[in-house]
Amino acid sequence: MKIGVLLPARFTDSGDYLADARALDAAGVDSLWMPDDGFDPWLVLAGIAAVTGRTRLAISVAAGDASDALARRMTTLDRLSRGRVLTTVVPAGEPAGTEALITRARCGGLAPVLLQAASGGHAVVGARHADGLVSTLEPAQCHAAFDQARDRRQRDRLTAPFELWTRVARLGGRERWRDVLAAAAAVGATGLIVPADPGLLDLLRNADEEDDRSDLTLAQG
């Protein structure tokens, strides 16, 4: 199961924030995700790119983004991160618009393009044109969209790797962590997005231990 971490939208101390990103990178998380309602995610991810070495950096693309500016930003972030960009597309109002947006996102480089999808219609578009889906729902609510995507890819005989991401709104102790991982696996998810949490490093590094490792904490939370 790939683990993605949704970082806080804003921060006070950039040193702590970047130190957290570096610690998560060292702990082996697959990707770091930025909300769109805080600081400029392109600038923040550019800073994170400079202090990390393996974690993918997830950036959202929407219909209102200007084509020329989008291509320049994606190319710049891809170069700064040495090819670690993960693009997520926010669906447009119509399927044709979403397909066009996926095509535009692909023009920015070789980064995988995932489609945000909560409904079956979006899932089918993503299955045919994107490299994966990012559900806006928690694992128990992902069955329909994930099943439709898998069925469509099977019908179209598409065999390229395809990512299926779900998310949880909160974390807790080890029992809760094991429960959310099991729930994500039950719906066939390949990745799980979790919020940044002070105890996340402990869960990532010592998931099977019951001892308290409160020394392994993030600054943000």
C-alpha atoms as a PDB file:
ATOM      1  CA  MET A   1       0.000   0.000   0.000  1.00  0.00           C
ATOM      2  CA  LYS A   2       1.440   3.361  -1.043  1.00  0.00           C
ATOM      3  CA  ILE A   3       1.072   6.102   1.558  1.00  0.00           C
ATOM      4  CA  GLY A   4       0.494   9.712   0.561  1.00  0.00           C
ATOM      5  CA  VAL A   5       0.503  12.523   3.119  1.00  0.00           C
ATOM      6  CA  LEU A   6      -1.725  15.593   2.837  1.00  0.00           C
ATOM      7  CA  LEU A   7       0.379  18.434   4.207  1.00  0.00           C
ATOM      8  CA  PRO A   8      -1.079  21.457   6.025  1.00  0.00           C
ATOM      9  CA  ALA A   9      -2.225  24.216   3.684  1.00  0.00           C
ATOM     10  CA  ARG A  10      -0.406  26.873   5.694  1.00  0.00           C
ATOM     11  CA  PHE A  11       2.506  27.045   8.090  1.00  0.00           C
ATOM     12  CA  THR A  12       4.242  29.544  10.348  1.00  0.00           C
ATOM     13  CA  ASP A  13       7.797  28.234  10.428  1.00  0.00           C
ATOM     14  CA  SER A  14       9.120  27.142   7.053  1.00  0.00           C
ATOM     15  CA  GLY A  15      12.039  25.343   8.701  1.00  0.00           C
ATOM     16  CA  ASP A  16       9.740  23.026  10.647  1.00  0.00           C
ATOM     17  CA  TYR A  17       7.525  22.508   7.610  1.00  0.00           C
ATOM     18  CA  LEU A  18      10.397  21.509   5.331  1.00  0.00           C
ATOM     19  CA  ALA A  19      11.922  19.375   8.071  1.00  0.00           C
ATOM     20  CA  ASP A  20       8.644  17.441   8.271  1.00  0.00           C
ATOM     21  CA  ALA A  21       8.673  16.918   4.505  1.00  0.00           C
ATOM     22  CA  ARG A  22      12.243  15.657   4.700  1.00  0.00           C
ATOM     23  CA  ALA A  23      11.369  13.297   7.570  1.00  0.00           C
ATOM     24  CA  LEU A  24       8.402  11.861   5.674  1.00  0.00           C
ATOM     25  CA  ASP A  25      10.599  11.391   2.618  1.00  0.00           C
ATOM     26  CA  ALA A  26      13.137   9.502   4.744  1.00  0.00           C
ATOM     27  CA  ALA A  27      10.330   7.399   6.288  1.00  0.00           C
ATOM     28  CA  GLY A  28       9.419   6.111   2.827  1.00  0.00           C
ATOM     29  CA  VAL A  29       6.086   7.779   2.021  1.00  0.00           C
ATOM     30  CA  ASP A  30       5.171   7.564  -1.646  1.00  0.00           C
ATOM     31  CA  SER A  31       3.900  11.113  -2.134  1.00  0.00           C
ATOM     32  CA  LEU A  32       3.261  14.493  -0.536  1.00  0.00           C
ATOM     33  CA  TRP A  33       0.001  16.272  -1.396  1.00  0.00           C
ATOM     34  CA  MET A  34      -0.850  19.969  -1.067  1.00  0.00           C
ATOM     35  CA  PRO A  35      -4.332  21.453  -0.514  1.00  0.00           C
ATOM     36  CA  ASP A  36      -5.402  24.236  -2.878  1.00  0.00           C
ATOM     37  CA  ASP A  37      -6.807  26.549  -0.190  1.00  0.00           C
ATOM     38  CA  GLY A  38      -3.608  27.779   1.422  1.00  0.00           C
ATOM     39  CA  PHE A  39      -0.234  29.011   0.239  1.00  0.00           C
ATOM     40  CA  ASP A  40       0.640  28.652  -3.453  1.00  0.00           C
ATOM     41  CA  PRO A  41       1.128  24.864  -3.809  1.00  0.00           C
ATOM     42  CA  TRP A  42       3.521  25.245  -6.754  1.00  0.00           C
ATOM     43  CA  LEU A  43       5.901  27.384  -4.699  1.00  0.00           C
ATOM     44  CA  VAL A  44       5.625  25.184  -1.617  1.00  0.00           C
ATOM     45  CA  LEU A  45       6.297  22.001  -3.603  1.00  0.00           C
ATOM     46  CA  ALA A  46       9.264  23.675  -5.281  1.00  0.00           C
ATOM     47  CA  GLY A  47      10.724  24.224  -1.801  1.00  0.00           C
ATOM     48  CA  ILE A  48       9.936  20.646  -0.796  1.00  0.00           C
ATOM     49  CA  ALA A  49      11.582  19.364  -3.968  1.00  0.00           C
ATOM     50  CA  ALA A  50      14.852  20.914  -2.811  1.00  0.00           C
ATOM     51  CA  VAL A  51      14.934  19.017   0.509  1.00  0.00           C
ATOM     52  CA  THR A  52      13.562  15.611  -0.564  1.00  0.00           C
ATOM     53  CA  GLY A  53      14.941  12.962  -2.862  1.00  0.00           C
ATOM     54  CA  ARG A  54      12.438  10.190  -3.559  1.00  0.00           C
ATOM     55  CA  THR A  55       8.900  11.176  -2.583  1.00  0.00           C
ATOM     56  CA  ARG A  56       6.525  12.137  -5.400  1.00  0.00           C
ATOM     57  CA  LEU A  57       5.026  15.631  -5.274  1.00  0.00           C
ATOM     58  CA  ALA A  58       1.300  15.771  -6.054  1.00  0.00           C
ATOM     59  CA  ILE A  59      -0.067  18.933  -7.660  1.00  0.00           C
ATOM     60  CA  SER A  60      -3.664  19.633  -8.731  1.00  0.00           C
ATOM     61  CA  VAL A  61      -4.651  20.959 -12.154  1.00  0.00           C
ATOM     62  CA  ALA A  62      -8.066  22.520 -12.842  1.00  0.00           C
ATOM     63  CA  ALA A  63      -9.936  23.779 -15.895  1.00  0.00           C
ATOM     64  CA  GLY A  64      -9.214  27.431 -15.093  1.00  0.00           C
ATOM     65  CA  ASP A  65      -5.435  27.021 -15.272  1.00  0.00           C
ATOM     66  CA  ALA A  66      -3.970  28.829 -18.286  1.00  0.00           C
ATOM     67  CA  SER A  67      -2.306  26.392 -20.703  1.00  0.00           C
ATOM     68  CA  ASP A  68       1.002  28.226 -21.167  1.00  0.00           C
ATOM     69  CA  ALA A  69       1.466  28.942 -17.456  1.00  0.00           C
ATOM     70  CA  LEU A  70       0.499  25.367 -16.554  1.00  0.00           C
ATOM     71  CA  ALA A  71       3.044  23.857 -18.938  1.00  0.00           C
ATOM     72  CA  ARG A  72       5.803  26.158 -17.652  1.00  0.00           C
ATOM     73  CA  ARG A  73       5.035  25.404 -14.009  1.00  0.00           C
ATOM     74  CA  MET A  74       4.851  21.664 -14.562  1.00  0.00           C
ATOM     75  CA  THR A  75       8.102  21.620 -16.509  1.00  0.00           C
ATOM     76  CA  THR A  76       9.844  23.694 -13.818  1.00  0.00           C
ATOM     77  CA  LEU A  77       8.602  21.541 -10.929  1.00  0.00           C
ATOM     78  CA  ASP A  78       9.461  18.377 -12.832  1.00  0.00           C
ATOM     79  CA  ARG A  79      13.028  19.633 -13.332  1.00  0.00           C
ATOM     80  CA  LEU A  80      13.424  20.769  -9.708  1.00  0.00           C
ATOM     81  CA  SER A  81      12.156  17.439  -8.393  1.00  0.00           C
ATOM     82  CA  ARG A  82      14.060  15.336 -10.935  1.00  0.00           C
ATOM     83  CA  GLY A  83      10.927  13.769 -12.348  1.00  0.00           C
ATOM     84  CA  ARG A  84       8.911  13.265  -9.151  1.00  0.00           C
ATOM     85  CA  VAL A  85       5.741  15.192 -10.102  1.00  0.00           C
ATOM     86  CA  LEU A  86       2.368  13.474  -9.730  1.00  0.00           C
ATOM     87  CA  THR A  87      -0.422  15.414 -11.435  1.00  0.00           C
ATOM     88  CA  THR A  88      -4.029  15.213 -10.209  1.00  0.00           C
ATOM     89  CA  VAL A  89      -6.769  16.596 -12.445  1.00  0.00           C
ATOM     90  CA  VAL A  90      -9.926  18.163 -11.021  1.00  0.00           C
ATOM     91  CA  PRO A  91     -12.803  17.117 -13.353  1.00  0.00           C
ATOM     92  CA  ALA A  92     -14.398  19.695 -15.615  1.00  0.00           C
ATOM     93  CA  GLY A  93     -18.166  20.021 -15.959  1.00  0.00           C
ATOM     94  CA  GLU A  94     -18.401  17.757 -19.018  1.00  0.00           C
ATOM     95  CA  PRO A  95     -16.528  14.528 -19.866  1.00  0.00           C
ATOM     96  CA  ALA A  96     -15.066  16.113 -23.010  1.00  0.00           C
ATOM     97  CA  GLY A  97     -13.678  18.965 -20.944  1.00  0.00           C
ATOM     98  CA  THR A  98     -12.137  16.534 -18.480  1.00  0.00           C
ATOM     99  CA  GLU A  99     -10.554  14.531 -21.301  1.00  0.00           C
ATOM    100  CA  ALA A 100      -9.077  17.723 -22.737  1.00  0.00           C
ATOM    101  CA  LEU A 101      -7.708  18.715 -19.339  1.00  0.00           C
ATOM    102  CA  ILE A 102      -6.028  15.327 -18.926  1.00  0.00           C
ATOM    103  CA  THR A 103      -4.446  15.808 -22.349  1.00  0.00           C
ATOM    104  CA  ARG A 104      -3.208  19.272 -21.342  1.00  0.00           C
ATOM    105  CA  ALA A 105      -1.726  17.879 -18.132  1.00  0.00           C
ATOM    106  CA  ARG A 106       0.169  15.252 -20.113  1.00  0.00           C
ATOM    107  CA  CYS A 107       1.752  17.983 -22.242  1.00  0.00           C
ATOM    108  CA  GLY A 108       3.612  19.221 -19.172  1.00  0.00           C
ATOM    109  CA  GLY A 109       5.939  16.208 -19.124  1.00  0.00           C
ATOM    110  CA  LEU A 110       6.061  12.515 -18.303  1.00  0.00           C
ATOM    111  CA  ALA A 111       4.404  12.797 -14.885  1.00  0.00           C
ATOM    112  CA  PRO A 112       1.579  10.315 -14.197  1.00  0.00           C
ATOM    113  CA  VAL A 113      -1.840  11.949 -14.465  1.00  0.00           C
ATOM    114  CA  LEU A 114      -4.536  10.933 -11.972  1.00  0.00           C
ATOM    115  CA  LEU A 115      -8.178  12.026 -12.080  1.00  0.00           C
ATOM    116  CA  GLN A 116     -10.103  13.027  -8.968  1.00  0.00           C
ATOM    117  CA  ALA A 117     -13.274  10.968  -9.056  1.00  0.00           C
ATOM    118  CA  ALA A 118     -16.164  10.444  -6.696  1.00  0.00           C
ATOM    119  CA  SER A 119     -18.769   9.345  -9.252  1.00  0.00           C
ATOM    120  CA  GLY A 120     -19.014   6.569 -11.812  1.00  0.00           C
ATOM    121  CA  GLY A 121     -18.912   8.890 -14.811  1.00  0.00           C
ATOM    122  CA  HIS A 122     -15.644  10.427 -13.736  1.00  0.00           C
ATOM    123  CA  ALA A 123     -14.279   6.973 -12.923  1.00  0.00           C
ATOM    124  CA  VAL A 124     -14.921   5.779 -16.485  1.00  0.00           C
ATOM    125  CA  VAL A 125     -13.224   8.839 -17.993  1.00  0.00           C
ATOM    126  CA  GLY A 126     -10.258   8.322 -15.721  1.00  0.00           C
ATOM    127  CA  ALA A 127     -10.055   4.622 -16.529  1.00  0.00           C
ATOM    128  CA  ARG A 128      -9.821   5.357 -20.246  1.00  0.00           C
ATOM    129  CA  HIS A 129      -7.605   8.457 -20.304  1.00  0.00           C
ATOM    130  CA  ALA A 130      -5.668   8.814 -17.026  1.00  0.00           C
ATOM    131  CA  ASP A 131      -3.110   6.757 -15.129  1.00  0.00           C
ATOM    132  CA  GLY A 132      -5.263   6.396 -12.048  1.00  0.00           C
ATOM    133  CA  LEU A 133      -8.058   7.711  -9.847  1.00  0.00           C
ATOM    134  CA  VAL A 134      -7.961   9.727  -6.643  1.00  0.00           C
ATOM    135  CA  SER A 135     -11.195   9.284  -4.748  1.00  0.00           C
ATOM    136  CA  THR A 136     -12.471  12.150  -2.647  1.00  0.00           C
ATOM    137  CA  LEU A 137     -14.174   9.576  -0.404  1.00  0.00           C
ATOM    138  CA  GLU A 138     -13.044   7.287   2.398  1.00  0.00           C
ATOM    139  CA  PRO A 139     -12.370   3.593   1.650  1.00  0.00           C
ATOM    140  CA  ALA A 140     -15.827   2.222   2.495  1.00  0.00           C
ATOM    141  CA  GLN A 141     -17.375   4.561  -0.091  1.00  0.00           C
ATOM    142  CA  CYS A 142     -14.981   3.816  -2.957  1.00  0.00           C
ATOM    143  CA  HIS A 143     -16.364   0.470  -4.127  1.00  0.00           C
ATOM    144  CA  ALA A 144     -18.531   1.738  -6.983  1.00  0.00           C
ATOM    145  CA  ALA A 145     -16.015   4.126  -8.570  1.00  0.00           C
ATOM    146  CA  PHE A 146     -13.119   1.699  -8.288  1.00  0.00           C
ATOM    147  CA  ASP A 147     -15.156  -1.224  -9.647  1.00  0.00           C
ATOM    148  CA  GLN A 148     -16.363   0.836 -12.621  1.00  0.00           C
ATOM    149  CA  ALA A 149     -12.826   1.907 -13.430  1.00  0.00           C
ATOM    150  CA  ARG A 150     -11.503  -1.649 -13.247  1.00  0.00           C
ATOM    151  CA  ASP A 151     -14.389  -2.993 -15.345  1.00  0.00           C
ATOM    152  CA  ARG A 152     -13.870  -0.345 -18.010  1.00  0.00           C
ATOM    153  CA  ARG A 153     -10.166  -1.007 -18.248  1.00  0.00           C
ATOM    154  CA  GLN A 154     -10.817  -4.719 -18.557  1.00  0.00           C
ATOM    155  CA  ARG A 155     -13.365  -4.128 -21.336  1.00  0.00           C
ATOM    156  CA  ASP A 156     -10.934  -1.859 -23.193  1.00  0.00           C
ATOM    157  CA  ARG A 157      -8.075  -4.316 -22.571  1.00  0.00           C
ATOM    158  CA  LEU A 158      -5.924  -1.666 -20.956  1.00  0.00           C
ATOM    159  CA  THR A 159      -2.986  -3.246 -19.156  1.00  0.00           C
ATOM    160  CA  ALA A 160      -0.765  -0.300 -18.173  1.00  0.00           C
ATOM    161  CA  PRO A 161      -0.302   0.299 -14.427  1.00  0.00           C
ATOM    162  CA  PHE A 162      -3.301   2.112 -12.925  1.00  0.00           C
ATOM    163  CA  GLU A 163      -3.341   3.705  -9.467  1.00  0.00           C
ATOM    164  CA  LEU A 164      -6.386   3.776  -7.177  1.00  0.00           C
ATOM    165  CA  TRP A 165      -6.146   6.214  -4.262  1.00  0.00           C
ATOM    166  CA  THR A 166      -8.514   6.643  -1.346  1.00  0.00           C
ATOM    167  CA  ARG A 167      -8.167   8.832   1.738  1.00  0.00           C
ATOM    168  CA  VAL A 168      -8.987   9.169   5.414  1.00  0.00           C
ATOM    169  CA  ALA A 169      -9.777  12.378   7.266  1.00  0.00           C
ATOM    170  CA  ARG A 170      -8.117  11.497  10.562  1.00  0.00           C
ATOM    171  CA  LEU A 171      -5.591   9.204  12.140  1.00  0.00           C
ATOM    172  CA  GLY A 172      -5.393   7.681  15.594  1.00  0.00           C
ATOM    173  CA  GLY A 173      -3.361   4.982  17.282  1.00  0.00           C
ATOM    174  CA  ARG A 174      -1.993   1.757  15.892  1.00  0.00           C
ATOM    175  CA  GLU A 175      -5.351  -0.034  15.919  1.00  0.00           C
ATOM    176  CA  ARG A 176      -6.944   2.746  13.876  1.00  0.00           C
ATOM    177  CA  TRP A 177      -3.949   2.689  11.512  1.00  0.00           C
ATOM    178  CA  ARG A 178      -4.311  -1.029  10.904  1.00  0.00           C
ATOM    179  CA  ASP A 179      -8.042  -0.603  10.364  1.00  0.00           C
ATOM    180  CA  VAL A 180      -7.684   2.090   7.698  1.00  0.00           C
ATOM    181  CA  LEU A 181      -4.994   0.114   5.867  1.00  0.00           C
ATOM    182  CA  ALA A 182      -7.254  -2.950   5.878  1.00  0.00           C
ATOM    183  CA  ALA A 183     -10.240  -0.909   4.654  1.00  0.00           C
ATOM    184  CA  ALA A 184      -8.204   0.548   1.786  1.00  0.00           C
ATOM    185  CA  ALA A 185      -6.932  -2.899   0.816  1.00  0.00           C
ATOM    186  CA  ALA A 186     -10.472  -4.293   0.893  1.00  0.00           C
ATOM    187  CA  VAL A 187     -11.595  -1.989  -1.931  1.00  0.00           C
ATOM    188  CA  GLY A 188      -8.477  -2.692  -3.979  1.00  0.00           C
ATOM    189  CA  ALA A 189      -6.805   0.666  -3.390  1.00  0.00           C
ATOM    190  CA  THR A 190      -3.146   0.908  -4.314  1.00  0.00           C
ATOM    191  CA  GLY A 191      -2.631   4.071  -2.264  1.00  0.00           C
ATOM    192  CA  LEU A 192      -3.965   5.783   0.851  1.00  0.00           C
ATOM    193  CA  ILE A 193      -3.813   9.543   1.501  1.00  0.00           C
ATOM    194  CA  VAL A 194      -3.606  10.463   5.188  1.00  0.00           C
ATOM    195  CA  PRO A 195      -3.362  13.855   6.904  1.00  0.00           C
ATOM    196  CA  ALA A 196      -0.074  14.991   8.387  1.00  0.00           C
ATOM    197  CA  ASP A 197      -0.205  14.062  12.055  1.00  0.00           C
ATOM    198  CA  PRO A 198       2.297  14.395  14.910  1.00  0.00           C
ATOM    199  CA  GLY A 199       2.349  10.614  15.405  1.00  0.00           C
ATOM    200  CA  LEU A 200       2.549   9.644  11.733  1.00  0.00           C
ATOM    201  CA  LEU A 201       6.285   8.965  11.702  1.00  0.00           C
ATOM    202  CA  ASP A 202       5.862   6.487  14.542  1.00  0.00           C
ATOM    203  CA  LEU A 203       3.081   4.684  12.673  1.00  0.00           C
ATOM    204  CA  LEU A 204       5.114   4.533   9.476  1.00  0.00           C
ATOM    205  CA  ARG A 205       8.279   3.252  11.115  1.00  0.00           C
ATOM    206  CA  ASN A 206       6.886   1.104  13.935  1.00  0.00           C
ATOM    207  CA  ALA A 207       3.414   0.035  12.825  1.00  0.00           C
ATOM    208  CA  ASP A 208       3.688  -3.407  14.392  1.00  0.00           C
ATOM    209  CA  GLU A 209       5.076  -2.273  17.745  1.00  0.00           C
ATOM    210  CA  GLU A 210       2.877  -1.373  20.681  1.00  0.00           C
ATOM    211  CA  ASP A 211       5.430   0.743  22.547  1.00  0.00           C
ATOM    212  CA  ASP A 212       4.902   4.484  22.592  1.00  0.00           C
ATOM    213  CA  ARG A 213       7.437   6.250  20.375  1.00  0.00           C
ATOM    214  CA  SER A 214       6.389   9.830  21.021  1.00  0.00           C
ATOM    215  CA  ASP A 215       9.936  10.897  20.183  1.00  0.00           C
ATOM    216  CA  LEU A 216       9.062  10.301  16.524  1.00  0.00           C
ATOM    217  CA  THR A 217       6.798  13.256  15.839  1.00  0.00           C
ATOM    218  CA  LEU A 218       6.193  15.815  13.152  1.00  0.00           C
ATOM    219  CA  ALA A 219       6.453  19.487  13.990  1.00  0.00           C
ATOM    220  CA  GLN A 220       3.222  20.242  12.147  1.00  0.00           C
ATOM    221  CA  GLY A 221      -0.125  18.823  13.220  1.00  0.00           C
END
